[in-house]
Amino acid sequence: MPDECPCAQRRKERPAAEYTDLIHRLNRIEGQIRGIRGMVERSAYCTDILTQVAAANAALSAFSRVLLAEHIRSCVAADIRAGKDETVDELIVTLQRLMK
């Protein structure tokens, strides 16, 4: 029997408020991306499109910061309390990826 991917089993049940906040943020980002596509389709001026791209990037970065903070408060803290020190290594790798 082949080994299952360990990440396939990892899930997080989020409180309703956290879930709603994340989904609203993603909906806004999705709308921004659709807006950028529309600007390209309408042949908008380059700097106007780039301004909107910067705004979408900022929104996605804010989403990442919120998600990372919640991950540290919940998942990482719980794993450390449970003696799962490998979670710290995982967090370090995650932070290194985010800082590229």
C-alpha atoms as a PDB file:
ATOM      1  CA  MET A   1       0.000   0.000   0.000  1.00  0.00           C
ATOM      2  CA  PRO A   2       1.597   3.329  -1.044  1.00  0.00           C
ATOM      3  CA  ASP A   3       2.245   5.974   1.581  1.00  0.00           C
ATOM      4  CA  GLU A   4      -0.230   8.829   1.574  1.00  0.00           C
ATOM      5  CA  CYS A   5       1.075  12.331   1.246  1.00  0.00           C
ATOM      6  CA  PRO A   6       1.207  13.692   4.818  1.00  0.00           C
ATOM      7  CA  CYS A   7      -0.071  17.066   3.672  1.00  0.00           C
ATOM      8  CA  ALA A   8      -3.267  15.442   2.401  1.00  0.00           C
ATOM      9  CA  GLN A   9      -4.226  14.693   5.997  1.00  0.00           C
ATOM     10  CA  ARG A  10      -3.450  18.136   7.380  1.00  0.00           C
ATOM     11  CA  ARG A  11      -6.432  20.383   7.794  1.00  0.00           C
ATOM     12  CA  LYS A  12      -7.504  23.228  10.012  1.00  0.00           C
ATOM     13  CA  GLU A  13     -11.013  23.853  11.184  1.00  0.00           C
ATOM     14  CA  ARG A  14     -11.310  27.621  11.369  1.00  0.00           C
ATOM     15  CA  PRO A  15     -13.656  29.561  13.622  1.00  0.00           C
ATOM     16  CA  ALA A  16     -16.493  31.173  11.664  1.00  0.00           C
ATOM     17  CA  ALA A  17     -15.139  34.720  12.091  1.00  0.00           C
ATOM     18  CA  GLU A  18     -11.686  33.766  10.799  1.00  0.00           C
ATOM     19  CA  TYR A  19     -13.171  31.845   7.871  1.00  0.00           C
ATOM     20  CA  THR A  20     -15.458  34.734   6.933  1.00  0.00           C
ATOM     21  CA  ASP A  21     -12.630  37.284   7.122  1.00  0.00           C
ATOM     22  CA  LEU A  22     -10.333  35.179   4.929  1.00  0.00           C
ATOM     23  CA  ILE A  23     -13.051  34.512   2.345  1.00  0.00           C
ATOM     24  CA  HIS A  24     -13.988  38.210   2.191  1.00  0.00           C
ATOM     25  CA  ARG A  25     -10.357  39.147   1.667  1.00  0.00           C
ATOM     26  CA  LEU A  26     -10.011  36.573  -1.111  1.00  0.00           C
ATOM     27  CA  ASN A  27     -13.229  37.766  -2.759  1.00  0.00           C
ATOM     28  CA  ARG A  28     -11.880  41.333  -2.821  1.00  0.00           C
ATOM     29  CA  ILE A  29      -8.570  40.136  -4.278  1.00  0.00           C
ATOM     30  CA  GLU A  30     -10.404  38.084  -6.898  1.00  0.00           C
ATOM     31  CA  GLY A  31     -12.394  41.192  -7.829  1.00  0.00           C
ATOM     32  CA  GLN A  32      -9.193  43.205  -8.122  1.00  0.00           C
ATOM     33  CA  ILE A  33      -7.696  40.594 -10.457  1.00  0.00           C
ATOM     34  CA  ARG A  34     -10.842  40.580 -12.608  1.00  0.00           C
ATOM     35  CA  GLY A  35     -10.629  44.372 -12.688  1.00  0.00           C
ATOM     36  CA  ILE A  36      -7.022  44.216 -13.876  1.00  0.00           C
ATOM     37  CA  ARG A  37      -8.011  41.767 -16.601  1.00  0.00           C
ATOM     38  CA  GLY A  38     -10.752  44.150 -17.678  1.00  0.00           C
ATOM     39  CA  MET A  39      -8.256  46.989 -17.824  1.00  0.00           C
ATOM     40  CA  VAL A  40      -6.003  44.936 -20.103  1.00  0.00           C
ATOM     41  CA  GLU A  41      -8.979  43.980 -22.270  1.00  0.00           C
ATOM     42  CA  ARG A  42      -9.935  47.680 -22.547  1.00  0.00           C
ATOM     43  CA  SER A  43      -6.328  48.632 -23.389  1.00  0.00           C
ATOM     44  CA  ALA A  44      -5.952  50.805 -20.288  1.00  0.00           C
ATOM     45  CA  TYR A  45      -2.782  52.826 -19.860  1.00  0.00           C
ATOM     46  CA  CYS A  46       0.145  50.760 -18.505  1.00  0.00           C
ATOM     47  CA  THR A  47       0.771  52.757 -15.335  1.00  0.00           C
ATOM     48  CA  ASP A  48      -2.903  52.596 -14.430  1.00  0.00           C
ATOM     49  CA  ILE A  49      -2.789  48.805 -14.705  1.00  0.00           C
ATOM     50  CA  LEU A  50       0.460  48.652 -12.724  1.00  0.00           C
ATOM     51  CA  THR A  51      -1.124  50.732  -9.951  1.00  0.00           C
ATOM     52  CA  GLN A  52      -3.933  48.189  -9.686  1.00  0.00           C
ATOM     53  CA  VAL A  53      -1.446  45.308  -9.751  1.00  0.00           C
ATOM     54  CA  ALA A  54       0.399  46.915  -6.835  1.00  0.00           C
ATOM     55  CA  ALA A  55      -2.892  47.212  -4.933  1.00  0.00           C
ATOM     56  CA  ALA A  56      -3.688  43.529  -5.582  1.00  0.00           C
ATOM     57  CA  ASN A  57      -0.201  42.520  -4.450  1.00  0.00           C
ATOM     58  CA  ALA A  58      -0.627  44.553  -1.262  1.00  0.00           C
ATOM     59  CA  ALA A  59      -3.991  42.903  -0.591  1.00  0.00           C
ATOM     60  CA  LEU A  60      -2.507  39.442  -1.121  1.00  0.00           C
ATOM     61  CA  SER A  61       0.390  40.284   1.208  1.00  0.00           C
ATOM     62  CA  ALA A  62      -2.075  41.458   3.852  1.00  0.00           C
ATOM     63  CA  PHE A  63      -3.996  38.176   3.450  1.00  0.00           C
ATOM     64  CA  SER A  64      -0.737  36.254   3.972  1.00  0.00           C
ATOM     65  CA  ARG A  65       0.110  38.247   7.107  1.00  0.00           C
ATOM     66  CA  VAL A  66      -3.324  37.611   8.627  1.00  0.00           C
ATOM     67  CA  LEU A  67      -3.173  33.896   7.793  1.00  0.00           C
ATOM     68  CA  LEU A  68       0.399  33.563   9.105  1.00  0.00           C
ATOM     69  CA  ALA A  69      -0.448  35.326  12.361  1.00  0.00           C
ATOM     70  CA  GLU A  70      -3.417  33.028  12.939  1.00  0.00           C
ATOM     71  CA  HIS A  71      -1.297  30.000  12.049  1.00  0.00           C
ATOM     72  CA  ILE A  72       1.286  30.975  14.678  1.00  0.00           C
ATOM     73  CA  ARG A  73      -1.369  31.719  17.333  1.00  0.00           C
ATOM     74  CA  SER A  74      -3.201  28.452  16.804  1.00  0.00           C
ATOM     75  CA  CYS A  75      -1.397  25.663  14.944  1.00  0.00           C
ATOM     76  CA  VAL A  76       2.195  26.476  15.880  1.00  0.00           C
ATOM     77  CA  ALA A  77       1.432  27.299  19.512  1.00  0.00           C
ATOM     78  CA  ALA A  78      -0.627  24.117  19.953  1.00  0.00           C
ATOM     79  CA  ASP A  79       2.070  21.943  18.368  1.00  0.00           C
ATOM     80  CA  ILE A  80       4.800  23.455  20.541  1.00  0.00           C
ATOM     81  CA  ARG A  81       2.697  22.855  23.664  1.00  0.00           C
ATOM     82  CA  ALA A  82       2.241  19.247  22.470  1.00  0.00           C
ATOM     83  CA  GLY A  83       6.013  18.831  22.096  1.00  0.00           C
ATOM     84  CA  LYS A  84       6.020  18.808  18.293  1.00  0.00           C
ATOM     85  CA  ASP A  85       9.222  20.784  17.830  1.00  0.00           C
ATOM     86  CA  GLU A  86       9.334  19.996  14.090  1.00  0.00           C
ATOM     87  CA  THR A  87       6.606  22.612  13.679  1.00  0.00           C
ATOM     88  CA  VAL A  88       9.190  25.304  14.402  1.00  0.00           C
ATOM     89  CA  ASP A  89      11.312  24.019  11.506  1.00  0.00           C
ATOM     90  CA  GLU A  90       8.239  24.042   9.274  1.00  0.00           C
ATOM     91  CA  LEU A  91       7.499  27.629  10.313  1.00  0.00           C
ATOM     92  CA  ILE A  92      11.077  28.680   9.521  1.00  0.00           C
ATOM     93  CA  VAL A  93      10.824  27.153   6.030  1.00  0.00           C
ATOM     94  CA  THR A  94       7.470  28.882   5.507  1.00  0.00           C
ATOM     95  CA  LEU A  95       8.883  32.252   6.580  1.00  0.00           C
ATOM     96  CA  GLN A  96      11.887  31.801   4.282  1.00  0.00           C
ATOM     97  CA  ARG A  97       9.530  31.154   1.342  1.00  0.00           C
ATOM     98  CA  LEU A  98       7.471  34.229   2.189  1.00  0.00           C
ATOM     99  CA  MET A  99      10.561  36.437   2.409  1.00  0.00           C
ATOM    100  CA  LYS A 100      11.867  35.681  -1.091  1.00  0.00           C
END
